[in-house]
PDB file of N, CA and C in Angstrom:
ATOM      1  N   UNK A   1     189.715-162.235 129.832  1.00  0.00           N
ATOM      2  CA  UNK A   1     188.283-162.131 129.477  1.00  0.00           C
ATOM      3  C   UNK A   1     188.216-161.850 127.922  1.00  0.00           C
ATOM      4  N   UNK A   2     189.067-160.970 127.454  1.00  0.00           N
ATOM      5  CA  UNK A   2     189.015-160.650 125.944  1.00  0.00           C
ATOM      6  C   UNK A   2     189.414-161.942 125.225  1.00  0.00           C
ATOM      7  N   UNK A   3     190.215-162.625 125.672  1.00  0.00           N
ATOM      8  CA  UNK A   3     190.573-163.868 125.001  1.00  0.00           C
ATOM      9  C   UNK A   3     189.358-164.809 124.814  1.00  0.00           C
ATOM     10  N   UNK A   4     188.644-164.921 125.827  1.00  0.00           N
ATOM     11  CA  UNK A   4     187.373-165.766 125.690  1.00  0.00           C
ATOM     12  C   UNK A   4     186.513-165.224 125.044  1.00  0.00           C
ATOM     13  N   UNK A   5     186.205-163.935 124.709  1.00  0.00           N
ATOM     14  CA  UNK A   5     185.253-163.278 124.058  1.00  0.00           C
ATOM     15  C   UNK A   5     185.822-163.562 122.536  1.00  0.00           C
ATOM     16  N   UNK A   6     186.959-163.172 122.288  1.00  0.00           N
ATOM     17  CA  UNK A   6     187.391-163.461 120.880  1.00  0.00           C
ATOM     18  C   UNK A   6     187.272-164.885 120.457  1.00  0.00           C
ATOM     19  N   UNK A   7     187.540-165.768 121.292  1.00  0.00           N
ATOM     20  CA  UNK A   7     187.485-167.159 120.803  1.00  0.00           C
ATOM     21  C   UNK A   7     185.974-167.478 120.646  1.00  0.00           C
ATOM     22  N   UNK A   8     184.940-166.995 121.477  1.00  0.00           N
ATOM     23  CA  UNK A   8     183.787-167.100 121.151  1.00  0.00           C
ATOM     24  C   UNK A   8     183.116-166.630 120.035  1.00  0.00           C
ATOM     25  N   UNK A   9     183.634-165.476 119.606  1.00  0.00           N
ATOM     26  CA  UNK A   9     183.364-165.018 118.428  1.00  0.00           C
ATOM     27  C   UNK A   9     183.864-165.669 117.249  1.00  0.00           C
ATOM     28  N   UNK A  10     185.080-166.042 117.420  1.00  0.00           N
ATOM     29  CA  UNK A  10     185.645-166.819 116.264  1.00  0.00           C
ATOM     30  C   UNK A  10     184.712-168.240 115.855  1.00  0.00           C
ATOM     31  N   UNK A  11     184.505-168.916 117.103  1.00  0.00           N
ATOM     32  CA  UNK A  11     183.707-170.121 116.874  1.00  0.00           C
ATOM     33  C   UNK A  11     182.187-169.788 116.440  1.00  0.00           C
ATOM     34  N   UNK A  12     181.703-168.659 116.852  1.00  0.00           N
ATOM     35  CA  UNK A  12     180.391-168.280 116.088  1.00  0.00           C
ATOM     36  C   UNK A  12     180.344-168.043 114.796  1.00  0.00           C
ATOM     37  N   UNK A  13     181.322-167.300 114.328  1.00  0.00           N
ATOM     38  CA  UNK A  13     181.651-166.805 112.909  1.00  0.00           C
ATOM     39  C   UNK A  13     181.793-168.106 112.054  1.00  0.00           C
ATOM     40  N   UNK A  14     182.704-169.091 112.571  1.00  0.00           N
ATOM     41  CA  UNK A  14     182.968-170.284 111.815  1.00  0.00           C
ATOM     42  C   UNK A  14     181.727-171.171 111.806  1.00  0.00           C
ATOM     43  N   UNK A  15     180.954-171.158 112.633  1.00  0.00           N
ATOM     44  CA  UNK A  15     179.727-172.128 112.429  1.00  0.00           C
ATOM     45  C   UNK A  15     178.783-171.564 111.753  1.00  0.00           C
ATOM     46  N   UNK A  16     178.677-170.267 111.597  1.00  0.00           N
ATOM     47  CA  UNK A  16     177.701-169.589 110.653  1.00  0.00           C
ATOM     48  C   UNK A  16     177.981-169.545 109.194  1.00  0.00           C
ATOM     49  N   UNK A  17     179.422-169.769 109.082  1.00  0.00           N
ATOM     50  CA  UNK A  17     179.960-169.467 107.560  1.00  0.00           C
ATOM     51  C   UNK A  17     180.243-170.776 107.028  1.00  0.00           C
ATOM     52  N   UNK A  18     180.418-172.050 107.770  1.00  0.00           N
ATOM     53  CA  UNK A  18     180.628-173.322 107.346  1.00  0.00           C
ATOM     54  C   UNK A  18     179.339-173.768 106.748  1.00  0.00           C
ATOM     55  N   UNK A  19     179.606-174.519 105.464  1.00  0.00           N
ATOM     56  CA  UNK A  19     178.450-175.113 104.837  1.00  0.00           C
ATOM     57  C   UNK A  19     178.671-176.600 104.561  1.00  0.00           C
ATOM     58  N   UNK A  20     177.530-177.231 104.688  1.00  0.00           N
ATOM     59  CA  UNK A  20     177.541-178.647 104.472  1.00  0.00           C
ATOM     60  C   UNK A  20     177.854-179.003 103.219  1.00  0.00           C
ATOM     61  N   UNK A  21     178.510-180.138 102.893  1.00  0.00           N
ATOM     62  CA  UNK A  21     178.783-180.713 101.650  1.00  0.00           C
ATOM     63  C   UNK A  21     177.299-180.936 100.899  1.00  0.00           C
ATOM     64  N   UNK A  22     177.226-180.498  99.733  1.00  0.00           N
ATOM     65  CA  UNK A  22     175.950-180.819  99.071  1.00  0.00           C
ATOM     66  C   UNK A  22     175.505-182.084  98.898  1.00  0.00           C
ATOM     67  N   UNK A  23     174.380-182.536  99.111  1.00  0.00           N
ATOM     68  CA  UNK A  23     173.891-183.970  99.015  1.00  0.00           C
ATOM     69  C   UNK A  23     174.556-184.844  99.917  1.00  0.00           C
ATOM     70  N   UNK A  24     175.106-184.446 101.161  1.00  0.00           N
ATOM     71  CA  UNK A  24     175.891-185.404 101.836  1.00  0.00           C
ATOM     72  C   UNK A  24     175.225-186.610 102.256  1.00  0.00           C
ATOM     73  N   UNK A  25     173.940-186.479 102.466  1.00  0.00           N
ATOM     74  CA  UNK A  25     173.158-187.719 102.889  1.00  0.00           C
ATOM     75  C   UNK A  25     172.839-188.727 101.558  1.00  0.00           C
ATOM     76  N   UNK A  26     173.059-188.205 100.541  1.00  0.00           N
ATOM     77  CA  UNK A  26     172.888-188.923  99.502  1.00  0.00           C
ATOM     78  C   UNK A  26     174.019-190.059  98.922  1.00  0.00           C
ATOM     79  N   UNK A  27     173.513-191.086  98.085  1.00  0.00           N
ATOM     80  CA  UNK A  27     174.535-192.062  97.589  1.00  0.00           C
ATOM     81  C   UNK A  27     174.507-191.891  96.277  1.00  0.00           C
ATOM     82  N   UNK A  28     175.660-191.492  95.724  1.00  0.00           N
ATOM     83  CA  UNK A  28     175.805-191.397  94.220  1.00  0.00           C
ATOM     84  C   UNK A  28     175.602-192.577  93.365  1.00  0.00           C
ATOM     85  N   UNK A  29     175.939-193.719  93.944  1.00  0.00           N
ATOM     86  CA  UNK A  29     175.637-195.111  93.160  1.00  0.00           C
ATOM     87  C   UNK A  29     174.129-195.244  93.170  1.00  0.00           C
ATOM     88  N   UNK A  30     173.564-195.025  94.234  1.00  0.00           N
ATOM     89  CA  UNK A  30     172.043-195.336  94.406  1.00  0.00           C
ATOM     90  C   UNK A  30     171.528-194.309  93.576  1.00  0.00           C
ATOM     91  N   UNK A  31     171.873-193.050  93.571  1.00  0.00           N
ATOM     92  CA  UNK A  31     171.381-192.074  92.693  1.00  0.00           C
ATOM     93  C   UNK A  31     171.367-192.360  91.384  1.00  0.00           C
ATOM     94  N   UNK A  32     172.427-192.823  90.723  1.00  0.00           N
ATOM     95  CA  UNK A  32     172.519-193.293  89.402  1.00  0.00           C
ATOM     96  C   UNK A  32     171.638-194.444  88.908  1.00  0.00           C
ATOM     97  N   UNK A  33     171.449-195.259  89.902  1.00  0.00           N
ATOM     98  CA  UNK A  33     170.609-196.451  89.593  1.00  0.00           C
ATOM     99  C   UNK A  33     169.092-195.819  89.586  1.00  0.00           C
ATOM    100  N   UNK A  34     168.753-194.898  90.412  1.00  0.00           N
ATOM    101  CA  UNK A  34     167.381-194.379  90.326  1.00  0.00           C
ATOM    102  C   UNK A  34     167.281-193.524  89.095  1.00  0.00           C
ATOM    103  N   UNK A  35     168.280-192.659  88.762  1.00  0.00           N
ATOM    104  CA  UNK A  35     168.290-192.003  87.548  1.00  0.00           C
ATOM    105  C   UNK A  35     167.873-192.852  86.193  1.00  0.00           C
ATOM    106  N   UNK A  36     168.567-193.934  86.257  1.00  0.00           N
ATOM    107  CA  UNK A  36     168.382-194.874  85.061  1.00  0.00           C
ATOM    108  C   UNK A  36     167.031-195.648  85.126  1.00  0.00           C
ATOM    109  N   UNK A  37     166.741-195.951  86.474  1.00  0.00           N
ATOM    110  CA  UNK A  37     165.566-196.892  86.652  1.00  0.00           C
ATOM    111  C   UNK A  37     164.493-195.940  86.224  1.00  0.00           C
ATOM    112  N   UNK A  38     164.492-194.669  86.553  1.00  0.00           N
ATOM    113  CA  UNK A  38     163.223-193.829  86.181  1.00  0.00           C
ATOM    114  C   UNK A  38     163.273-192.985  84.883  1.00  0.00           C
ATOM    115  N   UNK A  39     164.248-193.459  84.259  1.00  0.00           N
ATOM    116  CA  UNK A  39     164.454-192.963  82.844  1.00  0.00           C
ATOM    117  C   UNK A  39     164.573-191.369  82.801  1.00  0.00           C
ATOM    118  N   UNK A  40     165.196-190.861  83.926  1.00  0.00           N
ATOM    119  CA  UNK A  40     165.192-189.445  83.981  1.00  0.00           C
ATOM    120  C   UNK A  40     165.879-188.735  82.636  1.00  0.00           C
ATOM    121  N   UNK A  41     166.727-189.261  82.107  1.00  0.00           N
ATOM    122  CA  UNK A  41     167.330-188.806  80.830  1.00  0.00           C
ATOM    123  C   UNK A  41     166.511-188.547  79.627  1.00  0.00           C
ATOM    124  N   UNK A  42     165.309-189.227  79.670  1.00  0.00           N
ATOM    125  CA  UNK A  42     164.376-189.350  78.379  1.00  0.00           C
ATOM    126  C   UNK A  42     164.100-187.889  77.926  1.00  0.00           C
ATOM    127  N   UNK A  43     163.805-187.066  78.840  1.00  0.00           N
ATOM    128  CA  UNK A  43     163.306-185.653  78.590  1.00  0.00           C
ATOM    129  C   UNK A  43     164.528-184.738  78.152  1.00  0.00           C
ATOM    130  N   UNK A  44     165.848-185.045  78.499  1.00  0.00           N
ATOM    131  CA  UNK A  44     166.862-184.371  78.123  1.00  0.00           C
ATOM    132  C   UNK A  44     167.306-184.657  76.868  1.00  0.00           C
ATOM    133  N   UNK A  45     167.105-186.161  76.441  1.00  0.00           N
ATOM    134  CA  UNK A  45     167.388-186.387  75.149  1.00  0.00           C
ATOM    135  C   UNK A  45     166.348-185.782  74.112  1.00  0.00           C
ATOM    136  N   UNK A  46     165.137-185.863  74.579  1.00  0.00           N
ATOM    137  CA  UNK A  46     164.056-185.152  73.717  1.00  0.00           C
ATOM    138  C   UNK A  46     164.352-183.678  73.477  1.00  0.00           C
ATOM    139  N   UNK A  47     164.702-182.992  74.399  1.00  0.00           N
ATOM    140  CA  UNK A  47     164.950-181.588  74.315  1.00  0.00           C
ATOM    141  C   UNK A  47     166.130-181.318  73.642  1.00  0.00           C
ATOM    142  N   UNK A  48     167.350-182.002  74.012  1.00  0.00           N
ATOM    143  CA  UNK A  48     168.711-181.486  73.428  1.00  0.00           C
ATOM    144  C   UNK A  48     169.444-182.504  72.607  1.00  0.00           C
ATOM    145  N   UNK A  49     168.829-183.639  72.379  1.00  0.00           N
ATOM    146  CA  UNK A  49     169.390-184.671  71.530  1.00  0.00           C
ATOM    147  C   UNK A  49     170.517-185.362  72.255  1.00  0.00           C
ATOM    148  N   UNK A  50     171.293-186.271  71.373  1.00  0.00           N
ATOM    149  CA  UNK A  50     172.543-186.970  71.945  1.00  0.00           C
ATOM    150  C   UNK A  50     172.167-187.791  73.161  1.00  0.00           C
ATOM    151  N   UNK A  51     173.078-187.791  74.078  1.00  0.00           N
ATOM    152  CA  UNK A  51     172.707-188.702  75.250  1.00  0.00           C
ATOM    153  C   UNK A  51     172.098-187.981  76.352  1.00  0.00           C
ATOM    154  N   UNK A  52     171.894-186.714  76.114  1.00  0.00           N
ATOM    155  CA  UNK A  52     171.134-185.930  77.119  1.00  0.00           C
ATOM    156  C   UNK A  52     172.007-185.271  78.255  1.00  0.00           C
ATOM    157  N   UNK A  53     173.250-185.526  78.260  1.00  0.00           N
ATOM    158  CA  UNK A  53     174.112-185.014  79.268  1.00  0.00           C
ATOM    159  C   UNK A  53     174.396-183.524  79.162  1.00  0.00           C
ATOM    160  N   UNK A  54     174.301-183.052  77.878  1.00  0.00           N
ATOM    161  CA  UNK A  54     174.456-181.691  77.660  1.00  0.00           C
ATOM    162  C   UNK A  54     173.395-180.721  78.535  1.00  0.00           C
ATOM    163  N   UNK A  55     172.435-181.377  79.125  1.00  0.00           N
ATOM    164  CA  UNK A  55     171.590-180.611  80.024  1.00  0.00           C
ATOM    165  C   UNK A  55     172.239-180.072  81.209  1.00  0.00           C
ATOM    166  N   UNK A  56     173.274-180.843  81.651  1.00  0.00           N
ATOM    167  CA  UNK A  56     174.055-180.636  82.720  1.00  0.00           C
ATOM    168  C   UNK A  56     175.474-179.804  82.476  1.00  0.00           C
ATOM    169  N   UNK A  57     175.725-179.836  81.311  1.00  0.00           N
ATOM    170  CA  UNK A  57     177.036-179.184  80.952  1.00  0.00           C
ATOM    171  C   UNK A  57     176.832-178.057  79.930  1.00  0.00           C
ATOM    172  N   UNK A  58     175.967-177.682  79.622  1.00  0.00           N
ATOM    173  CA  UNK A  58     175.788-176.553  78.482  1.00  0.00           C
ATOM    174  C   UNK A  58     175.986-175.217  79.216  1.00  0.00           C
ATOM    175  N   UNK A  59     176.502-174.328  78.561  1.00  0.00           N
ATOM    176  CA  UNK A  59     176.987-172.988  79.056  1.00  0.00           C
ATOM    177  C   UNK A  59     175.731-172.282  79.810  1.00  0.00           C
ATOM    178  N   UNK A  60     174.565-172.432  78.998  1.00  0.00           N
ATOM    179  CA  UNK A  60     173.339-171.760  79.624  1.00  0.00           C
ATOM    180  C   UNK A  60     172.452-172.347  80.461  1.00  0.00           C
ATOM    181  N   UNK A  61     173.169-173.320  81.257  1.00  0.00           N
ATOM    182  CA  UNK A  61     172.315-174.277  82.144  1.00  0.00           C
ATOM    183  C   UNK A  61     171.614-173.368  82.997  1.00  0.00           C
ATOM    184  N   UNK A  62     170.464-173.866  83.593  1.00  0.00           N
ATOM    185  CA  UNK A  62     169.645-172.999  84.520  1.00  0.00           C
ATOM    186  C   UNK A  62     170.256-173.403  86.103  1.00  0.00           C
ATOM    187  N   UNK A  63     170.726-174.530  86.145  1.00  0.00           N
ATOM    188  CA  UNK A  63     171.226-174.912  87.667  1.00  0.00           C
ATOM    189  C   UNK A  63     172.600-174.347  87.809  1.00  0.00           C
ATOM    190  N   UNK A  64     172.724-173.482  88.813  1.00  0.00           N
ATOM    191  CA  UNK A  64     174.029-173.033  89.192  1.00  0.00           C
ATOM    192  C   UNK A  64     174.455-173.102  90.531  1.00  0.00           C
ATOM    193  N   UNK A  65     173.575-173.613  91.411  1.00  0.00           N
ATOM    194  CA  UNK A  65     173.915-174.007  92.690  1.00  0.00           C
ATOM    195  C   UNK A  65     173.283-175.191  93.182  1.00  0.00           C
ATOM    196  N   UNK A  66     173.745-175.954  94.291  1.00  0.00           N
ATOM    197  CA  UNK A  66     173.218-177.091  94.802  1.00  0.00           C
ATOM    198  C   UNK A  66     171.787-176.919  95.258  1.00  0.00           C
ATOM    199  N   UNK A  67     171.511-175.863  95.667  1.00  0.00           N
ATOM    200  CA  UNK A  67     169.978-175.615  96.004  1.00  0.00           C
ATOM    201  C   UNK A  67     169.135-175.579  94.810  1.00  0.00           C
ATOM    202  N   UNK A  68     169.566-174.923  93.808  1.00  0.00           N
ATOM    203  CA  UNK A  68     168.651-174.900  92.459  1.00  0.00           C
ATOM    204  C   UNK A  68     168.741-176.295  91.863  1.00  0.00           C
ATOM    205  N   UNK A  69     169.789-177.256  92.004  1.00  0.00           N
ATOM    206  CA  UNK A  69     169.815-178.637  91.597  1.00  0.00           C
ATOM    207  C   UNK A  69     168.700-179.320  92.533  1.00  0.00           C
ATOM    208  N   UNK A  70     168.669-179.176  93.498  1.00  0.00           N
ATOM    209  CA  UNK A  70     167.740-180.007  94.484  1.00  0.00           C
ATOM    210  C   UNK A  70     166.323-179.491  94.089  1.00  0.00           C
ATOM    211  N   UNK A  71     165.983-178.249  93.903  1.00  0.00           N
ATOM    212  CA  UNK A  71     164.740-177.858  93.325  1.00  0.00           C
ATOM    213  C   UNK A  71     164.399-178.394  92.050  1.00  0.00           C
ATOM    214  N   UNK A  72     165.346-178.494  91.050  1.00  0.00           N
ATOM    215  CA  UNK A  72     165.020-178.948  89.726  1.00  0.00           C
ATOM    216  C   UNK A  72     164.682-180.611  89.886  1.00  0.00           C
ATOM    217  N   UNK A  73     165.370-181.222  90.664  1.00  0.00           N
ATOM    218  CA  UNK A  73     165.203-182.686  91.031  1.00  0.00           C
ATOM    219  C   UNK A  73     163.898-182.889  91.375  1.00  0.00           C
ATOM    220  N   UNK A  74     163.372-181.974  92.408  1.00  0.00           N
ATOM    221  CA  UNK A  74     161.999-182.130  93.007  1.00  0.00           C
ATOM    222  C   UNK A  74     160.959-181.768  91.857  1.00  0.00           C
ATOM    223  N   UNK A  75     161.229-180.695  91.166  1.00  0.00           N
ATOM    224  CA  UNK A  75     160.288-180.334  89.988  1.00  0.00           C
ATOM    225  C   UNK A  75     160.057-181.414  89.023  1.00  0.00           C
ATOM    226  N   UNK A  76     161.246-182.148  88.721  1.00  0.00           N
ATOM    227  CA  UNK A  76     161.091-183.230  87.736  1.00  0.00           C
ATOM    228  C   UNK A  76     160.453-184.467  88.279  1.00  0.00           C
ATOM    229  N   UNK A  77     160.638-184.736  89.696  1.00  0.00           N
ATOM    230  CA  UNK A  77     159.968-185.733  90.362  1.00  0.00           C
ATOM    231  C   UNK A  77     158.545-185.492  90.163  1.00  0.00           C
ATOM    232  N   UNK A  78     158.098-184.155  90.621  1.00  0.00           N
ATOM    233  CA  UNK A  78     156.644-183.899  90.580  1.00  0.00           C
ATOM    234  C   UNK A  78     156.016-183.902  89.238  1.00  0.00           C
ATOM    235  N   UNK A  79     156.764-183.395  88.146  1.00  0.00           N
ATOM    236  CA  UNK A  79     156.169-183.416  86.946  1.00  0.00           C
ATOM    237  C   UNK A  79     156.076-184.744  86.147  1.00  0.00           C
ATOM    238  N   UNK A  80     156.859-185.576  86.642  1.00  0.00           N
ATOM    239  CA  UNK A  80     156.719-186.982  85.984  1.00  0.00           C
ATOM    240  C   UNK A  80     156.105-187.957  86.886  1.00  0.00           C
ATOM    241  N   UNK A  81     155.429-187.379  87.920  1.00  0.00           N
ATOM    242  CA  UNK A  81     154.586-188.271  88.907  1.00  0.00           C
ATOM    243  C   UNK A  81     155.632-189.341  89.417  1.00  0.00           C
ATOM    244  N   UNK A  82     156.734-189.420  89.667  1.00  0.00           N
ATOM    245  CA  UNK A  82     157.617-190.291  90.295  1.00  0.00           C
ATOM    246  C   UNK A  82     157.351-190.362  91.622  1.00  0.00           C
ATOM    247  N   UNK A  83     157.412-191.668  92.098  1.00  0.00           N
ATOM    248  CA  UNK A  83     157.164-191.886  93.555  1.00  0.00           C
ATOM    249  C   UNK A  83     158.597-191.960  94.214  1.00  0.00           C
ATOM    250  N   UNK A  84     159.209-191.025  94.568  1.00  0.00           N
ATOM    251  CA  UNK A  84     160.380-190.832  95.007  1.00  0.00           C
ATOM    252  C   UNK A  84     160.440-190.219  96.373  1.00  0.00           C
ATOM    253  N   UNK A  85     161.316-190.940  97.304  1.00  0.00           N
ATOM    254  CA  UNK A  85     161.282-190.130  98.724  1.00  0.00           C
ATOM    255  C   UNK A  85     162.345-189.054  98.610  1.00  0.00           C
ATOM    256  N   UNK A  86     162.449-188.267  99.611  1.00  0.00           N
ATOM    257  CA  UNK A  86     163.499-187.337  99.830  1.00  0.00           C
ATOM    258  C   UNK A  86     164.802-187.909  99.610  1.00  0.00           C
ATOM    259  N   UNK A  87     165.008-188.958 100.360  1.00  0.00           N
ATOM    260  CA  UNK A  87     166.264-189.618 100.343  1.00  0.00           C
ATOM    261  C   UNK A  87     166.653-190.009  98.919  1.00  0.00           C
ATOM    262  N   UNK A  88     165.753-190.524  98.118  1.00  0.00           N
ATOM    263  CA  UNK A  88     166.124-190.751  96.756  1.00  0.00           C
ATOM    264  C   UNK A  88     166.507-189.591  95.834  1.00  0.00           C
ATOM    265  N   UNK A  89     165.742-188.412  96.206  1.00  0.00           N
ATOM    266  CA  UNK A  89     166.227-187.128  95.497  1.00  0.00           C
ATOM    267  C   UNK A  89     167.538-186.821  95.914  1.00  0.00           C
ATOM    268  N   UNK A  90     167.725-186.842  97.080  1.00  0.00           N
ATOM    269  CA  UNK A  90     169.072-186.549  97.641  1.00  0.00           C
ATOM    270  C   UNK A  90     170.287-187.229  96.921  1.00  0.00           C
ATOM    271  N   UNK A  91     170.064-188.767  96.724  1.00  0.00           N
ATOM    272  CA  UNK A  91     170.869-189.568  96.057  1.00  0.00           C
ATOM    273  C   UNK A  91     170.975-189.236  94.666  1.00  0.00           C
ATOM    274  N   UNK A  92     170.048-188.919  93.959  1.00  0.00           N
ATOM    275  CA  UNK A  92     170.026-188.416  92.512  1.00  0.00           C
ATOM    276  C   UNK A  92     170.973-187.171  92.423  1.00  0.00           C
ATOM    277  N   UNK A  93     170.710-186.297  93.554  1.00  0.00           N
ATOM    278  CA  UNK A  93     171.447-185.142  93.608  1.00  0.00           C
ATOM    279  C   UNK A  93     172.932-185.396  93.698  1.00  0.00           C
ATOM    280  N   UNK A  94     173.265-186.234  94.586  1.00  0.00           N
ATOM    281  CA  UNK A  94     174.455-186.683  94.924  1.00  0.00           C
ATOM    282  C   UNK A  94     175.190-187.139  93.756  1.00  0.00           C
ATOM    283  N   UNK A  95     174.496-188.175  92.788  1.00  0.00           N
ATOM    284  CA  UNK A  95     175.035-188.666  91.554  1.00  0.00           C
ATOM    285  C   UNK A  95     175.337-187.400  90.469  1.00  0.00           C
ATOM    286  N   UNK A  96     174.422-186.534  90.272  1.00  0.00           N
ATOM    287  CA  UNK A  96     174.564-185.505  89.343  1.00  0.00           C
ATOM    288  C   UNK A  96     175.481-184.568  89.779  1.00  0.00           C
ATOM    289  N   UNK A  97     175.714-184.273  91.125  1.00  0.00           N
ATOM    290  CA  UNK A  97     176.810-183.395  91.461  1.00  0.00           C
ATOM    291  C   UNK A  97     178.148-183.941  91.276  1.00  0.00           C
ATOM    292  N   UNK A  98     178.293-185.261  91.674  1.00  0.00           N
ATOM    293  CA  UNK A  98     179.590-186.016  91.353  1.00  0.00           C
ATOM    294  C   UNK A  98     179.946-186.085  89.857  1.00  0.00           C
ATOM    295  N   UNK A  99     178.965-186.203  89.184  1.00  0.00           N
ATOM    296  CA  UNK A  99     179.150-186.527  87.849  1.00  0.00           C
ATOM    297  C   UNK A  99     179.267-185.351  86.930  1.00  0.00           C
ATOM    298  N   UNK A 100     178.441-184.253  87.159  1.00  0.00           N
ATOM    299  CA  UNK A 100     178.541-183.110  86.469  1.00  0.00           C
ATOM    300  C   UNK A 100     178.821-181.652  87.241  1.00  0.00           C
ATOM    301  N   UNK A 101     178.062-181.412  88.142  1.00  0.00           N
ATOM    302  CA  UNK A 101     178.288-180.071  88.616  1.00  0.00           C
ATOM    303  C   UNK A 101     179.346-179.703  89.610  1.00  0.00           C
ATOM    304  N   UNK A 102     179.731-180.556  90.383  1.00  0.00           N
ATOM    305  CA  UNK A 102     180.860-180.555  91.242  1.00  0.00           C
ATOM    306  C   UNK A 102     180.671-179.326  92.377  1.00  0.00           C
ATOM    307  N   UNK A 103     179.533-179.002  92.667  1.00  0.00           N
ATOM    308  CA  UNK A 103     179.297-178.020  93.853  1.00  0.00           C
ATOM    309  C   UNK A 103     180.043-178.397  94.969  1.00  0.00           C
ATOM    310  N   UNK A 104     180.342-177.428  95.722  1.00  0.00           N
ATOM    311  CA  UNK A 104     181.135-177.752  97.143  1.00  0.00           C
ATOM    312  C   UNK A 104     180.294-177.060  98.184  1.00  0.00           C
TER     313      UNK A 104
END
Protein backbone atom coordinates (compact mmCIF):
# COMPACT_ATOMS: atom_id res chain seq x y z
CA UNK A 1 0.00 0.00 0.00
CA UNK A 2 2.87 2.41 0.75
CA UNK A 3 4.29 1.79 -2.71
CA UNK A 4 0.99 2.82 -4.30
CA UNK A 5 0.81 5.96 -2.15
CA UNK A 6 4.39 6.90 -3.00
CA UNK A 7 3.83 6.29 -6.71
CA UNK A 8 0.66 8.40 -6.63
CA UNK A 9 2.44 11.25 -4.87
CA UNK A 10 5.30 11.14 -7.36
CA UNK A 11 2.86 11.31 -10.27
CA UNK A 12 0.94 14.19 -8.70
CA UNK A 13 4.13 16.09 -7.99
CA UNK A 14 5.51 15.63 -11.49
CA UNK A 15 2.19 16.68 -13.04
CA UNK A 16 2.11 19.92 -11.08
CA UNK A 17 5.75 20.81 -11.65
CA UNK A 18 5.96 20.10 -15.37
CA UNK A 19 5.64 23.10 -17.62
CA UNK A 20 4.47 23.33 -21.17
CA UNK A 21 6.91 24.57 -23.76
CA UNK A 22 6.27 28.29 -24.26
CA UNK A 23 4.23 29.04 -27.38
CA UNK A 24 3.96 25.34 -28.21
CA UNK A 25 0.82 25.96 -30.27
CA UNK A 26 2.55 28.66 -32.29
CA UNK A 27 4.37 28.36 -35.59
CA UNK A 28 7.62 30.36 -35.61
CA UNK A 29 7.69 30.68 -39.43
CA UNK A 30 4.13 32.00 -39.50
CA UNK A 31 5.03 34.27 -36.58
CA UNK A 32 7.93 35.81 -38.50
CA UNK A 33 5.66 36.40 -41.48
CA UNK A 34 3.08 38.11 -39.24
CA UNK A 35 5.79 40.13 -37.48
CA UNK A 36 7.06 41.39 -40.84
CA UNK A 37 3.62 41.86 -42.43
CA UNK A 38 2.38 43.98 -39.52
CA UNK A 39 5.60 45.99 -39.43
CA UNK A 40 6.01 45.16 -35.74
CA UNK A 41 9.62 46.23 -35.68
CA UNK A 42 8.90 49.83 -36.74
CA UNK A 43 8.30 50.98 -33.15
CA UNK A 44 11.44 49.20 -32.00
CA UNK A 45 13.50 50.95 -34.67
CA UNK A 46 12.01 54.35 -33.70
CA UNK A 47 12.79 53.79 -30.03
CA UNK A 48 16.21 52.12 -30.28
CA UNK A 49 17.50 52.66 -33.79
CA UNK A 50 19.37 50.10 -35.84
CA UNK A 51 17.30 47.17 -36.97
CA UNK A 52 15.22 47.19 -33.78
CA UNK A 53 16.41 43.80 -32.58
CA UNK A 54 18.10 45.34 -29.55
CA UNK A 55 14.57 45.57 -28.12
CA UNK A 56 14.85 41.84 -27.50
CA UNK A 57 18.52 41.55 -26.60
CA UNK A 58 19.30 44.60 -24.45
CA UNK A 59 20.40 43.99 -20.86
CA UNK A 60 17.56 46.06 -19.38
CA UNK A 61 14.77 44.45 -21.39
CA UNK A 62 11.37 44.31 -19.68
CA UNK A 63 10.44 40.85 -20.93
CA UNK A 64 12.01 38.22 -18.71
CA UNK A 65 9.53 35.33 -18.92
CA UNK A 66 7.39 33.66 -21.56
CA UNK A 67 4.28 34.97 -19.79
CA UNK A 68 5.54 38.56 -19.91
CA UNK A 69 6.38 38.11 -23.60
CA UNK A 70 2.81 36.96 -24.28
CA UNK A 71 1.49 39.97 -22.35
CA UNK A 72 3.72 42.35 -24.30
CA UNK A 73 2.65 40.89 -27.63
CA UNK A 74 -1.01 41.39 -26.65
CA UNK A 75 -0.24 44.94 -25.52
CA UNK A 76 1.39 45.75 -28.85
CA UNK A 77 -1.51 44.16 -30.74
CA UNK A 78 -3.99 46.33 -28.86
CA UNK A 79 -1.95 49.54 -29.00
CA UNK A 80 -1.50 49.22 -32.75
CA UNK A 81 -5.10 48.08 -33.34
CA UNK A 82 -3.90 45.00 -35.18
CA UNK A 83 -6.49 42.44 -36.08
CA UNK A 84 -4.64 39.39 -34.79
CA UNK A 85 -6.14 36.22 -33.43
CA UNK A 86 -4.82 34.47 -30.34
CA UNK A 87 -3.16 31.91 -32.63
CA UNK A 88 -1.38 34.73 -34.46
CA UNK A 89 -0.01 36.12 -31.20
CA UNK A 90 1.06 32.62 -30.19
CA UNK A 91 2.98 32.29 -33.48
CA UNK A 92 4.65 35.68 -33.02
CA UNK A 93 5.63 34.53 -29.54
CA UNK A 94 7.05 31.31 -30.98
CA UNK A 95 9.10 33.32 -33.49
CA UNK A 96 10.44 35.79 -30.92
CA UNK A 97 11.18 33.04 -28.43
CA UNK A 98 13.01 30.95 -31.01
CA UNK A 99 14.95 33.90 -32.40
CA UNK A 100 15.78 35.89 -29.27
CA UNK A 101 14.46 34.87 -25.87
CA UNK A 102 14.97 31.08 -25.69
CA UNK A 103 12.51 30.62 -22.80
CA UNK A 104 11.97 26.98 -21.81
